[in-house]
Amino acid sequence: MSPQLATDHPGRERPRTATGPDQDPTTVLQRRVDNLARALHTRDAIGQAKGILVAHYGIEADEAFALLTRISQHTNTKLADLALTLVTRVRERRPALPQHCRVVTEVVQGLLERPGHPGAGRPVRDGVDR
């Protein structure tokens, strides 16, 4: 069965598209807004996690991102979820100088020691898993 053709302009025929609640402009725009809000939240968490690692290890932002990416792949965890977990755990422990360095290392170590992941329990020192 061939699709029905719409002819809005003489000589130009195009297949008619289905319309429904998913095609409603308001629904489409709301979905875009929701996706953008989620992306902003994700970006914020990743940025905070990078900042924690930069401050703790004295590394560049791109190195902090690479470390987060390695841990994410190592633990098979979405990068955004990992970043949010890191930020939340460090914040919950409310590190105060000079203890904050130990707290960040312990949190990163704990993320790597999640059971069932390859290489679990490998120590983290100076921002490098070994």
C-alpha atoms as a PDB file:
ATOM      1  CA  MET A   1       0.000   0.000   0.000  1.00  0.00           C
ATOM      2  CA  SER A   2       1.514   3.348  -0.999  1.00  0.00           C
ATOM      3  CA  PRO A   3       1.371   6.349   1.322  1.00  0.00           C
ATOM      4  CA  GLN A   4      -1.205   9.049   0.691  1.00  0.00           C
ATOM      5  CA  LEU A   5       0.311  12.048  -0.996  1.00  0.00           C
ATOM      6  CA  ALA A   6      -0.319  15.633   0.032  1.00  0.00           C
ATOM      7  CA  THR A   7      -0.273  18.314  -2.614  1.00  0.00           C
ATOM      8  CA  ASP A   8       0.059  21.717  -0.981  1.00  0.00           C
ATOM      9  CA  HIS A   9       1.734  23.072  -4.081  1.00  0.00           C
ATOM     10  CA  PRO A  10       0.980  21.968  -7.608  1.00  0.00           C
ATOM     11  CA  GLY A  11       3.723  19.769  -8.970  1.00  0.00           C
ATOM     12  CA  ARG A  12       5.177  18.973  -5.518  1.00  0.00           C
ATOM     13  CA  GLU A  13       3.925  15.873  -3.829  1.00  0.00           C
ATOM     14  CA  ARG A  14       5.160  14.635  -0.467  1.00  0.00           C
ATOM     15  CA  PRO A  15       4.074  11.811   1.819  1.00  0.00           C
ATOM     16  CA  ARG A  16       1.600  12.846   4.492  1.00  0.00           C
ATOM     17  CA  THR A  17       3.038  12.640   7.989  1.00  0.00           C
ATOM     18  CA  ALA A  18       1.184  11.166  10.902  1.00  0.00           C
ATOM     19  CA  THR A  19      -0.030  13.556  13.541  1.00  0.00           C
ATOM     20  CA  GLY A  20      -0.624  12.685  17.138  1.00  0.00           C
ATOM     21  CA  PRO A  21       0.177  13.674  20.699  1.00  0.00           C
ATOM     22  CA  ASP A  22       3.915  13.045  20.123  1.00  0.00           C
ATOM     23  CA  GLN A  23       3.926  15.531  17.227  1.00  0.00           C
ATOM     24  CA  ASP A  24       2.178  18.324  19.132  1.00  0.00           C
ATOM     25  CA  PRO A  25       4.488  21.369  19.096  1.00  0.00           C
ATOM     26  CA  THR A  26       3.997  21.935  22.820  1.00  0.00           C
ATOM     27  CA  THR A  27       5.003  18.337  23.585  1.00  0.00           C
ATOM     28  CA  VAL A  28       8.054  18.590  21.325  1.00  0.00           C
ATOM     29  CA  LEU A  29       9.143  21.860  22.961  1.00  0.00           C
ATOM     30  CA  GLN A  30       8.587  20.486  26.476  1.00  0.00           C
ATOM     31  CA  ARG A  31      10.742  17.490  25.619  1.00  0.00           C
ATOM     32  CA  ARG A  32      13.502  19.810  24.407  1.00  0.00           C
ATOM     33  CA  VAL A  33      13.285  21.905  27.571  1.00  0.00           C
ATOM     34  CA  ASP A  34      13.474  18.774  29.734  1.00  0.00           C
ATOM     35  CA  ASN A  35      16.492  17.503  27.786  1.00  0.00           C
ATOM     36  CA  LEU A  36      18.277  20.853  28.085  1.00  0.00           C
ATOM     37  CA  ALA A  37      17.599  21.012  31.839  1.00  0.00           C
ATOM     38  CA  ARG A  38      18.971  17.494  32.247  1.00  0.00           C
ATOM     39  CA  ALA A  39      22.052  18.411  30.175  1.00  0.00           C
ATOM     40  CA  LEU A  40      22.706  21.500  32.318  1.00  0.00           C
ATOM     41  CA  HIS A  41      22.429  19.465  35.517  1.00  0.00           C
ATOM     42  CA  THR A  42      24.760  16.819  34.105  1.00  0.00           C
ATOM     43  CA  ARG A  43      27.284  19.410  32.979  1.00  0.00           C
ATOM     44  CA  ASP A  44      27.222  21.084  36.374  1.00  0.00           C
ATOM     45  CA  ALA A  45      27.901  17.803  38.220  1.00  0.00           C
ATOM     46  CA  ILE A  46      30.776  16.918  35.882  1.00  0.00           C
ATOM     47  CA  GLY A  47      32.246  20.400  36.284  1.00  0.00           C
ATOM     48  CA  GLN A  48      32.072  20.166  40.084  1.00  0.00           C
ATOM     49  CA  ALA A  49      33.669  16.713  40.073  1.00  0.00           C
ATOM     50  CA  LYS A  50      36.449  18.000  37.821  1.00  0.00           C
ATOM     51  CA  GLY A  51      36.966  20.924  40.186  1.00  0.00           C
ATOM     52  CA  ILE A  52      37.315  18.603  43.167  1.00  0.00           C
ATOM     53  CA  LEU A  53      39.934  16.533  41.350  1.00  0.00           C
ATOM     54  CA  VAL A  54      41.777  19.606  40.069  1.00  0.00           C
ATOM     55  CA  ALA A  55      41.926  21.057  43.590  1.00  0.00           C
ATOM     56  CA  HIS A  56      42.919  17.775  45.199  1.00  0.00           C
ATOM     57  CA  TYR A  57      45.449  16.427  42.720  1.00  0.00           C
ATOM     58  CA  GLY A  58      46.739  19.717  41.277  1.00  0.00           C
ATOM     59  CA  ILE A  59      46.006  18.578  37.731  1.00  0.00           C
ATOM     60  CA  GLU A  60      44.536  20.361  34.719  1.00  0.00           C
ATOM     61  CA  ALA A  61      40.806  20.246  33.971  1.00  0.00           C
ATOM     62  CA  ASP A  62      41.306  17.990  30.935  1.00  0.00           C
ATOM     63  CA  GLU A  63      43.319  15.557  33.069  1.00  0.00           C
ATOM     64  CA  ALA A  64      40.538  15.555  35.675  1.00  0.00           C
ATOM     65  CA  PHE A  65      38.020  14.804  32.928  1.00  0.00           C
ATOM     66  CA  ALA A  66      40.224  11.975  31.646  1.00  0.00           C
ATOM     67  CA  LEU A  67      40.421  10.536  35.174  1.00  0.00           C
ATOM     68  CA  LEU A  68      36.634  10.703  35.544  1.00  0.00           C
ATOM     69  CA  THR A  69      36.276   9.033  32.155  1.00  0.00           C
ATOM     70  CA  ARG A  70      38.678   6.226  33.135  1.00  0.00           C
ATOM     71  CA  ILE A  71      36.829   5.609  36.400  1.00  0.00           C
ATOM     72  CA  SER A  72      33.514   5.702  34.537  1.00  0.00           C
ATOM     73  CA  GLN A  73      34.699   3.091  32.059  1.00  0.00           C
ATOM     74  CA  HIS A  74      36.425   1.066  34.776  1.00  0.00           C
ATOM     75  CA  THR A  75      33.227   0.854  36.829  1.00  0.00           C
ATOM     76  CA  ASN A  76      30.830   0.765  33.865  1.00  0.00           C
ATOM     77  CA  THR A  77      29.037   3.804  35.293  1.00  0.00           C
ATOM     78  CA  LYS A  78      27.641   6.705  33.304  1.00  0.00           C
ATOM     79  CA  LEU A  79      29.973   9.684  33.594  1.00  0.00           C
ATOM     80  CA  ALA A  80      27.220  11.985  34.866  1.00  0.00           C
ATOM     81  CA  ASP A  81      26.176   9.483  37.550  1.00  0.00           C
ATOM     82  CA  LEU A  82      29.777   8.992  38.633  1.00  0.00           C
ATOM     83  CA  ALA A  83      30.362  12.749  38.840  1.00  0.00           C
ATOM     84  CA  LEU A  84      27.203  13.280  40.892  1.00  0.00           C
ATOM     85  CA  THR A  85      28.201  10.454  43.247  1.00  0.00           C
ATOM     86  CA  LEU A  86      31.691  11.891  43.715  1.00  0.00           C
ATOM     87  CA  VAL A  87      30.362  15.386  44.438  1.00  0.00           C
ATOM     88  CA  THR A  88      27.659  14.099  46.784  1.00  0.00           C
ATOM     89  CA  ARG A  89      29.993  11.833  48.756  1.00  0.00           C
ATOM     90  CA  VAL A  90      32.653  14.508  49.180  1.00  0.00           C
ATOM     91  CA  ARG A  91      30.004  17.046  50.192  1.00  0.00           C
ATOM     92  CA  GLU A  92      28.452  14.610  52.708  1.00  0.00           C
ATOM     93  CA  ARG A  93      31.828  14.117  54.367  1.00  0.00           C
ATOM     94  CA  ARG A  94      32.288  17.907  54.601  1.00  0.00           C
ATOM     95  CA  PRO A  95      36.055  17.839  54.384  1.00  0.00           C
ATOM     96  CA  ALA A  96      37.887  20.540  56.282  1.00  0.00           C
ATOM     97  CA  LEU A  97      41.502  21.375  55.620  1.00  0.00           C
ATOM     98  CA  PRO A  98      43.918  19.633  55.933  1.00  0.00           C
ATOM     99  CA  GLN A  99      41.836  16.449  55.869  1.00  0.00           C
ATOM    100  CA  HIS A 100      40.132  17.154  52.537  1.00  0.00           C
ATOM    101  CA  CYS A 101      42.864  15.463  50.480  1.00  0.00           C
ATOM    102  CA  ARG A 102      42.439  12.182  52.322  1.00  0.00           C
ATOM    103  CA  VAL A 103      38.657  12.380  51.987  1.00  0.00           C
ATOM    104  CA  VAL A 104      38.768  12.845  48.203  1.00  0.00           C
ATOM    105  CA  THR A 105      41.214   9.957  47.802  1.00  0.00           C
ATOM    106  CA  GLU A 106      39.013   7.710  49.949  1.00  0.00           C
ATOM    107  CA  VAL A 107      35.914   8.602  47.919  1.00  0.00           C
ATOM    108  CA  VAL A 108      37.669   7.948  44.594  1.00  0.00           C
ATOM    109  CA  GLN A 109      39.071   4.696  46.000  1.00  0.00           C
ATOM    110  CA  GLY A 110      35.587   3.686  47.137  1.00  0.00           C
ATOM    111  CA  LEU A 111      34.197   4.313  43.659  1.00  0.00           C
ATOM    112  CA  LEU A 112      36.867   2.043  42.189  1.00  0.00           C
ATOM    113  CA  GLU A 113      36.214  -0.675  44.751  1.00  0.00           C
ATOM    114  CA  ARG A 114      32.616  -1.207  43.754  1.00  0.00           C
ATOM    115  CA  PRO A 115      32.110  -4.994  43.715  1.00  0.00           C
ATOM    116  CA  GLY A 116      31.720  -6.783  40.426  1.00  0.00           C
ATOM    117  CA  HIS A 117      33.853  -4.440  38.387  1.00  0.00           C
ATOM    118  CA  PRO A 118      37.125  -5.480  36.764  1.00  0.00           C
ATOM    119  CA  GLY A 119      40.147  -4.218  38.611  1.00  0.00           C
ATOM    120  CA  ALA A 120      38.197  -3.466  41.778  1.00  0.00           C
ATOM    121  CA  GLY A 121      40.417  -2.658  44.701  1.00  0.00           C
ATOM    122  CA  ARG A 122      43.292  -1.241  42.645  1.00  0.00           C
ATOM    123  CA  PRO A 123      44.754   1.671  44.603  1.00  0.00           C
ATOM    124  CA  VAL A 124      44.529   5.259  43.438  1.00  0.00           C
ATOM    125  CA  ARG A 125      47.484   7.500  44.154  1.00  0.00           C
ATOM    126  CA  ASP A 126      48.137  10.938  42.748  1.00  0.00           C
ATOM    127  CA  GLY A 127      45.165  10.677  40.368  1.00  0.00           C
ATOM    128  CA  VAL A 128      46.367   7.535  38.616  1.00  0.00           C
ATOM    129  CA  ASP A 129      44.833   4.113  39.044  1.00  0.00           C
ATOM    130  CA  ARG A 130      47.498   1.434  39.378  1.00  0.00           C
END
